């Protein structure tokens, strides 16, 4: 479980930052007619989000989470700033489970 936590944490931060960048690009595209940045950032964010989904599934299966919790963590990557919040919650939850299993 510990080996799956680090990739999840890294991808949660990256996806969160990329989502914020994407929101700015969408504002530029539809608010100001500047299409270039969103055409570049959108596919990169999409690819990174797919990696995030794989990392969540990997961690969720190793931690034996319910499907509802796994899907909730996956959806956290679709709301700006929520991936940062869930990264902290998931990290605390996994660290608590690791401490409990070690004791």
PDB file of N, CA and C in Angstrom:
ATOM      1  N   UNK A   1       0.833  -1.192   0.000  1.00  0.00           N
ATOM      2  CA  UNK A   1       0.000   0.000   0.000  1.00  0.00           C
ATOM      3  C   UNK A   1       0.876   1.254   0.000  1.00  0.00           C
ATOM      4  N   UNK A   2       1.991   1.189   0.717  1.00  0.00           N
ATOM      5  CA  UNK A   2       2.892   2.333   0.776  1.00  0.00           C
ATOM      6  C   UNK A   2       3.471   2.667  -0.594  1.00  0.00           C
ATOM      7  N   UNK A   3       3.728   1.624  -1.402  1.00  0.00           N
ATOM      8  CA  UNK A   3       4.302   1.849  -2.728  1.00  0.00           C
ATOM      9  C   UNK A   3       3.299   2.508  -3.672  1.00  0.00           C
ATOM     10  N   UNK A   4       2.028   2.361  -3.416  1.00  0.00           N
ATOM     11  CA  UNK A   4       1.001   2.966  -4.265  1.00  0.00           C
ATOM     12  C   UNK A   4       0.647   4.383  -3.828  1.00  0.00           C
ATOM     13  N   UNK A   5       1.013   4.743  -2.620  1.00  0.00           N
ATOM     14  CA  UNK A   5       0.655   6.069  -2.099  1.00  0.00           C
ATOM     15  C   UNK A   5       1.450   7.179  -2.775  1.00  0.00           C
ATOM     16  N   UNK A   6       2.741   6.970  -2.973  1.00  0.00           N
ATOM     17  CA  UNK A   6       3.583   8.026  -3.548  1.00  0.00           C
ATOM     18  C   UNK A   6       3.149   8.421  -4.964  1.00  0.00           C
ATOM     19  N   UNK A   7       2.931   7.468  -5.889  1.00  0.00           N
ATOM     20  CA  UNK A   7       2.453   7.879  -7.219  1.00  0.00           C
ATOM     21  C   UNK A   7       1.102   8.595  -7.160  1.00  0.00           C
ATOM     22  N   UNK A   8       0.229   8.142  -6.259  1.00  0.00           N
ATOM     23  CA  UNK A   8      -1.060   8.815  -6.112  1.00  0.00           C
ATOM     24  C   UNK A   8      -0.864  10.266  -5.688  1.00  0.00           C
ATOM     25  N   UNK A   9      -0.031  10.487  -4.688  1.00  0.00           N
ATOM     26  CA  UNK A   9       0.194  11.845  -4.180  1.00  0.00           C
ATOM     27  C   UNK A   9       0.774  12.745  -5.261  1.00  0.00           C
ATOM     28  N   UNK A  10       1.758  12.246  -5.982  1.00  0.00           N
ATOM     29  CA  UNK A  10       2.388  13.040  -7.042  1.00  0.00           C
ATOM     30  C   UNK A  10       1.369  13.390  -8.115  1.00  0.00           C
ATOM     31  N   UNK A  11       0.613  12.396  -8.551  1.00  0.00           N
ATOM     32  CA  UNK A  11      -0.363  12.639  -9.615  1.00  0.00           C
ATOM     33  C   UNK A  11      -1.518  13.514  -9.148  1.00  0.00           C
ATOM     34  N   UNK A  12      -1.894  13.417  -7.883  1.00  0.00           N
ATOM     35  CA  UNK A  12      -2.960  14.284  -7.375  1.00  0.00           C
ATOM     36  C   UNK A  12      -2.537  15.746  -7.454  1.00  0.00           C
ATOM     37  N   UNK A  13      -1.300  16.034  -7.086  1.00  0.00           N
ATOM     38  CA  UNK A  13      -0.812  17.410  -7.176  1.00  0.00           C
ATOM     39  C   UNK A  13      -0.707  17.864  -8.629  1.00  0.00           C
ATOM     40  N   UNK A  14      -0.137  17.025  -9.477  1.00  0.00           N
ATOM     41  CA  UNK A  14       0.036  17.398 -10.882  1.00  0.00           C
ATOM     42  C   UNK A  14      -1.315  17.631 -11.545  1.00  0.00           C
ATOM     43  N   UNK A  15      -2.263  16.717 -11.329  1.00  0.00           N
ATOM     44  CA  UNK A  15      -3.589  16.864 -11.931  1.00  0.00           C
ATOM     45  C   UNK A  15      -4.290  18.108 -11.385  1.00  0.00           C
ATOM     46  N   UNK A  16      -4.123  18.381 -10.100  1.00  0.00           N
ATOM     47  CA  UNK A  16      -4.724  19.588  -9.525  1.00  0.00           C
ATOM     48  C   UNK A  16      -4.183  20.856 -10.151  1.00  0.00           C
ATOM     49  N   UNK A  17      -2.869  20.919 -10.310  1.00  0.00           N
ATOM     50  CA  UNK A  17      -2.254  22.098 -10.933  1.00  0.00           C
ATOM     51  C   UNK A  17      -2.670  22.201 -12.397  1.00  0.00           C
ATOM     52  N   UNK A  18      -2.629  21.089 -13.100  1.00  0.00           N
ATOM     53  CA  UNK A  18      -3.016  21.117 -14.520  1.00  0.00           C
ATOM     54  C   UNK A  18      -4.474  21.503 -14.700  1.00  0.00           C
ATOM     55  N   UNK A  19      -5.333  21.107 -13.777  1.00  0.00           N
ATOM     56  CA  UNK A  19      -6.740  21.493 -13.874  1.00  0.00           C
ATOM     57  C   UNK A  19      -6.898  23.002 -13.692  1.00  0.00           C
ATOM     58  N   UNK A  20      -6.137  23.574 -12.781  1.00  0.00           N
ATOM     59  CA  UNK A  20      -6.171  25.027 -12.604  1.00  0.00           C
ATOM     60  C   UNK A  20      -5.658  25.739 -13.852  1.00  0.00           C
ATOM     61  N   UNK A  21      -4.593  25.219 -14.450  1.00  0.00           N
ATOM     62  CA  UNK A  21      -4.075  25.784 -15.695  1.00  0.00           C
ATOM     63  C   UNK A  21      -5.117  25.652 -16.802  1.00  0.00           C
ATOM     64  N   UNK A  22      -5.779  24.509 -16.848  1.00  0.00           N
ATOM     65  CA  UNK A  22      -6.809  24.295 -17.867  1.00  0.00           C
ATOM     66  C   UNK A  22      -7.973  25.268 -17.699  1.00  0.00           C
ATOM     67  N   UNK A  23      -8.367  25.542 -16.480  1.00  0.00           N
ATOM     68  CA  UNK A  23      -9.452  26.501 -16.236  1.00  0.00           C
ATOM     69  C   UNK A  23      -9.061  27.881 -16.773  1.00  0.00           C
ATOM     70  N   UNK A  24      -7.825  28.282 -16.533  1.00  0.00           N
ATOM     71  CA  UNK A  24      -7.347  29.566 -17.064  1.00  0.00           C
ATOM     72  C   UNK A  24      -7.367  29.546 -18.590  1.00  0.00           C
ATOM     73  N   UNK A  25      -6.932  28.431 -19.177  1.00  0.00           N
ATOM     74  CA  UNK A  25      -6.926  28.316 -20.639  1.00  0.00           C
ATOM     75  C   UNK A  25      -8.337  28.366 -21.220  1.00  0.00           C
ATOM     76  N   UNK A  26      -9.291  27.756 -20.527  1.00  0.00           N
ATOM     77  CA  UNK A  26     -10.681  27.786 -20.998  1.00  0.00           C
ATOM     78  C   UNK A  26     -11.228  29.208 -20.923  1.00  0.00           C
ATOM     79  N   UNK A  27     -10.878  29.942 -19.867  1.00  0.00           N
ATOM     80  CA  UNK A  27     -11.296  31.353 -19.772  1.00  0.00           C
ATOM     81  C   UNK A  27     -10.684  32.149 -20.923  1.00  0.00           C
ATOM     82  N   UNK A  28      -9.415  31.900 -21.211  1.00  0.00           N
ATOM     83  CA  UNK A  28      -8.778  32.587 -22.330  1.00  0.00           C
ATOM     84  C   UNK A  28      -9.462  32.249 -23.651  1.00  0.00           C
ATOM     85  N   UNK A  29      -9.832  30.978 -23.792  1.00  0.00           N
ATOM     86  CA  UNK A  29     -10.440  30.542 -25.056  1.00  0.00           C
ATOM     87  C   UNK A  29     -11.828  31.126 -25.260  1.00  0.00           C
ATOM     88  N   UNK A  30     -12.690  30.961 -24.273  1.00  0.00           N
ATOM     89  CA  UNK A  30     -14.083  31.379 -24.459  1.00  0.00           C
ATOM     90  C   UNK A  30     -14.340  32.818 -24.030  1.00  0.00           C
ATOM     91  N   UNK A  31     -13.478  33.374 -23.195  1.00  0.00           N
ATOM     92  CA  UNK A  31     -13.665  34.752 -22.760  1.00  0.00           C
ATOM     93  C   UNK A  31     -12.962  35.760 -23.640  1.00  0.00           C
ATOM     94  N   UNK A  32     -11.800  35.347 -24.193  1.00  0.00           N
ATOM     95  CA  UNK A  32     -10.994  36.299 -24.946  1.00  0.00           C
ATOM     96  C   UNK A  32     -10.651  35.832 -26.355  1.00  0.00           C
ATOM     97  N   UNK A  33     -11.114  34.641 -26.734  1.00  0.00           N
ATOM     98  CA  UNK A  33     -10.887  34.143 -28.092  1.00  0.00           C
ATOM     99  C   UNK A  33      -9.465  33.667 -28.360  1.00  0.00           C
ATOM    100  N   UNK A  34      -8.692  33.400 -27.320  1.00  0.00           N
ATOM    101  CA  UNK A  34      -7.316  32.906 -27.478  1.00  0.00           C
ATOM    102  C   UNK A  34      -7.358  31.389 -27.345  1.00  0.00           C
ATOM    103  N   UNK A  35      -7.260  30.689 -28.476  1.00  0.00           N
ATOM    104  CA  UNK A  35      -7.457  29.232 -28.467  1.00  0.00           C
ATOM    105  C   UNK A  35      -6.192  28.420 -28.279  1.00  0.00           C
ATOM    106  N   UNK A  36      -5.028  28.987 -28.537  1.00  0.00           N
ATOM    107  CA  UNK A  36      -3.772  28.242 -28.516  1.00  0.00           C
ATOM    108  C   UNK A  36      -3.492  27.490 -27.229  1.00  0.00           C
ATOM    109  N   UNK A  37      -3.519  28.163 -26.082  1.00  0.00           N
ATOM    110  CA  UNK A  37      -3.149  27.461 -24.844  1.00  0.00           C
ATOM    111  C   UNK A  37      -4.055  26.268 -24.513  1.00  0.00           C
ATOM    112  N   UNK A  38      -5.354  26.411 -24.731  1.00  0.00           N
ATOM    113  CA  UNK A  38      -6.247  25.303 -24.376  1.00  0.00           C
ATOM    114  C   UNK A  38      -6.045  24.102 -25.298  1.00  0.00           C
ATOM    115  N   UNK A  39      -5.678  24.354 -26.548  1.00  0.00           N
ATOM    116  CA  UNK A  39      -5.420  23.239 -27.462  1.00  0.00           C
ATOM    117  C   UNK A  39      -4.170  22.465 -27.064  1.00  0.00           C
ATOM    118  N   UNK A  40      -3.259  23.128 -26.386  1.00  0.00           N
ATOM    119  CA  UNK A  40      -2.032  22.486 -25.929  1.00  0.00           C
ATOM    120  C   UNK A  40      -2.222  21.805 -24.572  1.00  0.00           C
ATOM    121  N   UNK A  41      -2.914  22.475 -23.662  1.00  0.00           N
ATOM    122  CA  UNK A  41      -3.039  21.990 -22.279  1.00  0.00           C
ATOM    123  C   UNK A  41      -4.083  20.877 -22.153  1.00  0.00           C
ATOM    124  N   UNK A  42      -5.163  20.947 -22.904  1.00  0.00           N
ATOM    125  CA  UNK A  42      -6.265  19.974 -22.766  1.00  0.00           C
ATOM    126  C   UNK A  42      -5.820  18.526 -22.926  1.00  0.00           C
ATOM    127  N   UNK A  43      -5.105  18.166 -23.999  1.00  0.00           N
ATOM    128  CA  UNK A  43      -4.707  16.762 -24.123  1.00  0.00           C
ATOM    129  C   UNK A  43      -3.708  16.320 -23.045  1.00  0.00           C
ATOM    130  N   UNK A  44      -2.847  17.235 -22.617  1.00  0.00           N
ATOM    131  CA  UNK A  44      -1.884  16.890 -21.569  1.00  0.00           C
ATOM    132  C   UNK A  44      -2.629  16.607 -20.266  1.00  0.00           C
ATOM    133  N   UNK A  45      -3.575  17.466 -19.934  1.00  0.00           N
ATOM    134  CA  UNK A  45      -4.367  17.244 -18.723  1.00  0.00           C
ATOM    135  C   UNK A  45      -5.152  15.933 -18.822  1.00  0.00           C
ATOM    136  N   UNK A  46      -5.734  15.667 -19.977  1.00  0.00           N
ATOM    137  CA  UNK A  46      -6.486  14.423 -20.163  1.00  0.00           C
ATOM    138  C   UNK A  46      -5.622  13.193 -19.938  1.00  0.00           C
ATOM    139  N   UNK A  47      -4.419  13.208 -20.486  1.00  0.00           N
ATOM    140  CA  UNK A  47      -3.507  12.075 -20.302  1.00  0.00           C
ATOM    141  C   UNK A  47      -3.122  11.919 -18.829  1.00  0.00           C
ATOM    142  N   UNK A  48      -2.788  13.031 -18.187  1.00  0.00           N
ATOM    143  CA  UNK A  48      -2.405  12.971 -16.775  1.00  0.00           C
ATOM    144  C   UNK A  48      -3.570  12.534 -15.894  1.00  0.00           C
ATOM    145  N   UNK A  49      -4.783  12.928 -16.257  1.00  0.00           N
ATOM    146  CA  UNK A  49      -5.955  12.495 -15.487  1.00  0.00           C
ATOM    147  C   UNK A  49      -6.140  10.986 -15.610  1.00  0.00           C
ATOM    148  N   UNK A  50      -5.879  10.432 -16.777  1.00  0.00           N
ATOM    149  CA  UNK A  50      -5.970   8.976 -16.939  1.00  0.00           C
ATOM    150  C   UNK A  50      -4.936   8.274 -16.046  1.00  0.00           C
ATOM    151  N   UNK A  51      -3.737   8.833 -15.963  1.00  0.00           N
ATOM    152  CA  UNK A  51      -2.725   8.259 -15.059  1.00  0.00           C
ATOM    153  C   UNK A  51      -3.185   8.364 -13.602  1.00  0.00           C
ATOM    154  N   UNK A  52      -3.825   9.479 -13.263  1.00  0.00           N
ATOM    155  CA  UNK A  52      -4.373   9.664 -11.921  1.00  0.00           C
ATOM    156  C   UNK A  52      -5.412   8.587 -11.612  1.00  0.00           C
ATOM    157  N   UNK A  53      -6.274   8.299 -12.574  1.00  0.00           N
ATOM    158  CA  UNK A  53      -7.293   7.262 -12.375  1.00  0.00           C
ATOM    159  C   UNK A  53      -6.651   5.905 -12.104  1.00  0.00           C
ATOM    160  N   UNK A  54      -5.596   5.594 -12.839  1.00  0.00           N
ATOM    161  CA  UNK A  54      -4.888   4.324 -12.627  1.00  0.00           C
ATOM    162  C   UNK A  54      -4.252   4.302 -11.233  1.00  0.00           C
ATOM    163  N   UNK A  55      -3.663   5.430 -10.821  1.00  0.00           N
ATOM    164  CA  UNK A  55      -3.034   5.498  -9.494  1.00  0.00           C
ATOM    165  C   UNK A  55      -4.075   5.344  -8.389  1.00  0.00           C
ATOM    166  N   UNK A  56      -5.241   5.949  -8.561  1.00  0.00           N
ATOM    167  CA  UNK A  56      -6.314   5.818  -7.567  1.00  0.00           C
ATOM    168  C   UNK A  56      -6.783   4.373  -7.501  1.00  0.00           C
ATOM    169  N   UNK A  57      -6.973   3.760  -8.646  1.00  0.00           N
ATOM    170  CA  UNK A  57      -7.435   2.370  -8.675  1.00  0.00           C
ATOM    171  C   UNK A  57      -6.399   1.453  -8.026  1.00  0.00           C
ATOM    172  N   UNK A  58      -5.133   1.673  -8.320  1.00  0.00           N
ATOM    173  CA  UNK A  58      -4.065   0.872  -7.728  1.00  0.00           C
ATOM    174  C   UNK A  58      -4.057   1.007  -6.206  1.00  0.00           C
ATOM    175  N   UNK A  59      -4.102   2.230  -5.724  1.00  0.00           N
ATOM    176  CA  UNK A  59      -4.098   2.462  -4.279  1.00  0.00           C
ATOM    177  C   UNK A  59      -5.376   1.928  -3.640  1.00  0.00           C
ATOM    178  N   UNK A  60      -6.500   2.164  -4.280  1.00  0.00           N
ATOM    179  CA  UNK A  60      -7.777   1.700  -3.735  1.00  0.00           C
ATOM    180  C   UNK A  60      -7.867   0.189  -3.617  1.00  0.00           C
ATOM    181  N   UNK A  61      -7.344  -0.505  -4.606  1.00  0.00           N
ATOM    182  CA  UNK A  61      -7.367  -1.974  -4.559  1.00  0.00           C
ATOM    183  C   UNK A  61      -6.424  -2.500  -3.477  1.00  0.00           C
ATOM    184  N   UNK A  62      -5.258  -1.878  -3.349  1.00  0.00           N
ATOM    185  CA  UNK A  62      -4.312  -2.315  -2.326  1.00  0.00           C
ATOM    186  C   UNK A  62      -4.811  -1.993  -0.922  1.00  0.00           C
ATOM    187  N   UNK A  63      -5.509  -0.866  -0.772  1.00  0.00           N
ATOM    188  CA  UNK A  63      -6.025  -0.467   0.536  1.00  0.00           C
ATOM    189  C   UNK A  63      -7.391  -1.087   0.830  1.00  0.00           C
ATOM    190  N   UNK A  64      -7.947  -1.782  -0.149  1.00  0.00           N
ATOM    191  CA  UNK A  64      -9.260  -2.438  -0.013  1.00  0.00           C
ATOM    192  C   UNK A  64     -10.376  -1.449   0.327  1.00  0.00           C
ATOM    193  N   UNK A  65     -10.390  -0.345  -0.444  1.00  0.00           N
ATOM    194  CA  UNK A  65     -11.449   0.650  -0.269  1.00  0.00           C
ATOM    195  C   UNK A  65     -12.725   0.151  -0.936  1.00  0.00           C
ATOM    196  N   UNK A  66     -13.840   0.729  -0.539  1.00  0.00           N
ATOM    197  CA  UNK A  66     -15.099   0.427  -1.219  1.00  0.00           C
ATOM    198  C   UNK A  66     -15.083   1.098  -2.594  1.00  0.00           C
ATOM    199  N   UNK A  67     -15.914   0.579  -3.495  1.00  0.00           N
ATOM    200  CA  UNK A  67     -15.992   1.158  -4.838  1.00  0.00           C
ATOM    201  C   UNK A  67     -16.476   2.604  -4.790  1.00  0.00           C
ATOM    202  N   UNK A  68     -17.365   2.892  -3.850  1.00  0.00           N
ATOM    203  CA  UNK A  68     -17.875   4.257  -3.737  1.00  0.00           C
ATOM    204  C   UNK A  68     -16.756   5.224  -3.374  1.00  0.00           C
ATOM    205  N   UNK A  69     -15.888   4.820  -2.477  1.00  0.00           N
ATOM    206  CA  UNK A  69     -14.779   5.686  -2.071  1.00  0.00           C
ATOM    207  C   UNK A  69     -13.789   5.863  -3.223  1.00  0.00           C
ATOM    208  N   UNK A  70     -13.501   4.787  -3.938  1.00  0.00           N
ATOM    209  CA  UNK A  70     -12.592   4.861  -5.088  1.00  0.00           C
ATOM    210  C   UNK A  70     -13.144   5.835  -6.128  1.00  0.00           C
ATOM    211  N   UNK A  71     -14.411   5.702  -6.447  1.00  0.00           N
ATOM    212  CA  UNK A  71     -15.026   6.595  -7.443  1.00  0.00           C
ATOM    213  C   UNK A  71     -15.026   8.039  -6.935  1.00  0.00           C
ATOM    214  N   UNK A  72     -15.276   8.243  -5.652  1.00  0.00           N
ATOM    215  CA  UNK A  72     -15.239   9.588  -5.080  1.00  0.00           C
ATOM    216  C   UNK A  72     -13.869  10.232  -5.208  1.00  0.00           C
ATOM    217  N   UNK A  73     -12.817   9.454  -4.943  1.00  0.00           N
ATOM    218  CA  UNK A  73     -11.459   9.974  -5.077  1.00  0.00           C
ATOM    219  C   UNK A  73     -11.146  10.243  -6.549  1.00  0.00           C
ATOM    220  N   UNK A  74     -11.630   9.392  -7.428  1.00  0.00           N
ATOM    221  CA  UNK A  74     -11.430   9.621  -8.861  1.00  0.00           C
ATOM    222  C   UNK A  74     -12.102  10.924  -9.308  1.00  0.00           C
ATOM    223  N   UNK A  75     -13.308  11.151  -8.839  1.00  0.00           N
ATOM    224  CA  UNK A  75     -14.037  12.356  -9.223  1.00  0.00           C
ATOM    225  C   UNK A  75     -13.432  13.622  -8.625  1.00  0.00           C
ATOM    226  N   UNK A  76     -12.655  13.469  -7.570  1.00  0.00           N
ATOM    227  CA  UNK A  76     -12.000  14.635  -6.960  1.00  0.00           C
ATOM    228  C   UNK A  76     -11.050  15.308  -7.945  1.00  0.00           C
ATOM    229  N   UNK A  77     -10.563  14.571  -8.905  1.00  0.00           N
ATOM    230  CA  UNK A  77      -9.668  15.146  -9.912  1.00  0.00           C
ATOM    231  C   UNK A  77     -10.378  15.963 -10.964  1.00  0.00           C
ATOM    232  N   UNK A  78     -11.700  16.058 -10.880  1.00  0.00           N
ATOM    233  CA  UNK A  78     -12.454  16.822 -11.877  1.00  0.00           C
ATOM    234  C   UNK A  78     -12.915  18.177 -11.362  1.00  0.00           C
ATOM    235  N   UNK A  79     -12.723  18.442 -10.084  1.00  0.00           N
ATOM    236  CA  UNK A  79     -13.156  19.712  -9.487  1.00  0.00           C
ATOM    237  C   UNK A  79     -11.908  20.493  -9.076  1.00  0.00           C
ATOM    238  N   UNK A  80     -11.761  21.722  -9.554  1.00  0.00           N
ATOM    239  CA  UNK A  80     -10.565  22.487  -9.189  1.00  0.00           C
ATOM    240  C   UNK A  80     -10.380  22.565  -7.670  1.00  0.00           C
ATOM    241  N   UNK A  81      -9.171  22.361  -7.234  1.00  0.00           N
ATOM    242  CA  UNK A  81      -8.713  22.390  -5.842  1.00  0.00           C
ATOM    243  C   UNK A  81      -9.122  21.175  -5.016  1.00  0.00           C
ATOM    244  N   UNK A  82     -10.096  20.394  -5.459  1.00  0.00           N
ATOM    245  CA  UNK A  82     -10.555  19.258  -4.667  1.00  0.00           C
ATOM    246  C   UNK A  82      -9.526  18.127  -4.635  1.00  0.00           C
ATOM    247  N   UNK A  83      -8.718  18.002  -5.680  1.00  0.00           N
ATOM    248  CA  UNK A  83      -7.701  16.944  -5.665  1.00  0.00           C
ATOM    249  C   UNK A  83      -6.676  17.185  -4.561  1.00  0.00           C
ATOM    250  N   UNK A  84      -6.414  18.453  -4.232  1.00  0.00           N
ATOM    251  CA  UNK A  84      -5.490  18.756  -3.146  1.00  0.00           C
ATOM    252  C   UNK A  84      -6.082  18.338  -1.799  1.00  0.00           C
ATOM    253  N   UNK A  85      -7.361  18.601  -1.620  1.00  0.00           N
ATOM    254  CA  UNK A  85      -8.045  18.240  -0.373  1.00  0.00           C
ATOM    255  C   UNK A  85      -8.070  16.721  -0.209  1.00  0.00           C
ATOM    256  N   UNK A  86      -8.437  16.027  -1.272  1.00  0.00           N
ATOM    257  CA  UNK A  86      -8.525  14.573  -1.195  1.00  0.00           C
ATOM    258  C   UNK A  86      -7.150  13.928  -1.057  1.00  0.00           C
ATOM    259  N   UNK A  87      -6.128  14.556  -1.625  1.00  0.00           N
ATOM    260  CA  UNK A  87      -4.780  14.015  -1.454  1.00  0.00           C
ATOM    261  C   UNK A  87      -4.422  13.981   0.028  1.00  0.00           C
ATOM    262  N   UNK A  88      -4.730  15.033   0.762  1.00  0.00           N
ATOM    263  CA  UNK A  88      -4.448  15.085   2.193  1.00  0.00           C
ATOM    264  C   UNK A  88      -5.280  14.044   2.946  1.00  0.00           C
ATOM    265  N   UNK A  89      -6.588  13.967   2.631  1.00  0.00           N
ATOM    266  CA  UNK A  89      -7.458  13.010   3.326  1.00  0.00           C
ATOM    267  C   UNK A  89      -7.007  11.573   3.083  1.00  0.00           C
ATOM    268  N   UNK A  90      -6.702  11.259   1.832  1.00  0.00           N
ATOM    269  CA  UNK A  90      -6.286   9.899   1.490  1.00  0.00           C
ATOM    270  C   UNK A  90      -4.951   9.576   2.145  1.00  0.00           C
ATOM    271  N   UNK A  91      -4.025  10.521   2.130  1.00  0.00           N
ATOM    272  CA  UNK A  91      -2.717  10.287   2.753  1.00  0.00           C
ATOM    273  C   UNK A  91      -2.868  10.001   4.238  1.00  0.00           C
ATOM    274  N   UNK A  92      -3.674  10.805   4.926  1.00  0.00           N
ATOM    275  CA  UNK A  92      -3.894  10.560   6.358  1.00  0.00           C
ATOM    276  C   UNK A  92      -4.562   9.203   6.590  1.00  0.00           C
ATOM    277  N   UNK A  93      -5.513   8.860   5.742  1.00  0.00           N
ATOM    278  CA  UNK A  93      -6.214   7.584   5.901  1.00  0.00           C
ATOM    279  C   UNK A  93      -5.257   6.410   5.700  1.00  0.00           C
ATOM    280  N   UNK A  94      -4.450   6.464   4.658  1.00  0.00           N
ATOM    281  CA  UNK A  94      -3.522   5.359   4.371  1.00  0.00           C
ATOM    282  C   UNK A  94      -2.453   5.276   5.459  1.00  0.00           C
ATOM    283  N   UNK A  95      -1.924   6.423   5.887  1.00  0.00           N
ATOM    284  CA  UNK A  95      -0.915   6.400   6.947  1.00  0.00           C
ATOM    285  C   UNK A  95      -1.483   5.834   8.246  1.00  0.00           C
ATOM    286  N   UNK A  96      -2.741   6.150   8.543  1.00  0.00           N
ATOM    287  CA  UNK A  96      -3.381   5.594   9.740  1.00  0.00           C
ATOM    288  C   UNK A  96      -3.556   4.090   9.612  1.00  0.00           C
ATOM    289  N   UNK A  97      -3.945   3.618   8.428  1.00  0.00           N
ATOM    290  CA  UNK A  97      -4.104   2.185   8.205  1.00  0.00           C
ATOM    291  C   UNK A  97      -2.754   1.465   8.310  1.00  0.00           C
ATOM    292  N   UNK A  98      -1.703   2.094   7.785  1.00  0.00           N
ATOM    293  CA  UNK A  98      -0.366   1.485   7.874  1.00  0.00           C
ATOM    294  C   UNK A  98       0.101   1.426   9.331  1.00  0.00           C
ATOM    295  N   UNK A  99      -0.164   2.489  10.089  1.00  0.00           N
ATOM    296  CA  UNK A  99       0.223   2.495  11.496  1.00  0.00           C
ATOM    297  C   UNK A  99      -0.551   1.454  12.286  1.00  0.00           C
ATOM    298  N   UNK A 100      -1.839   1.293  11.972  1.00  0.00           N
ATOM    299  CA  UNK A 100      -2.661   0.316  12.682  1.00  0.00           C
ATOM    300  C   UNK A 100      -2.224  -1.108  12.364  1.00  0.00           C
ATOM    301  N   UNK A 101      -1.839  -1.343  11.117  1.00  0.00           N
ATOM    302  CA  UNK A 101      -1.404  -2.702  10.749  1.00  0.00           C
ATOM    303  C   UNK A 101      -0.027  -3.022  11.304  1.00  0.00           C
ATOM    304  N   UNK A 102       0.799  -1.990  11.529  1.00  0.00           N
ATOM    305  CA  UNK A 102       2.127  -2.217  12.093  1.00  0.00           C
ATOM    306  C   UNK A 102       2.069  -2.488  13.593  1.00  0.00           C
ATOM    307  N   UNK A 103       1.024  -1.963  14.232  1.00  0.00           N
ATOM    308  CA  UNK A 103       0.920  -2.110  15.701  1.00  0.00           C
ATOM    309  C   UNK A 103       0.325  -3.445  16.105  1.00  0.00           C
TER     310      UNK A 103
END
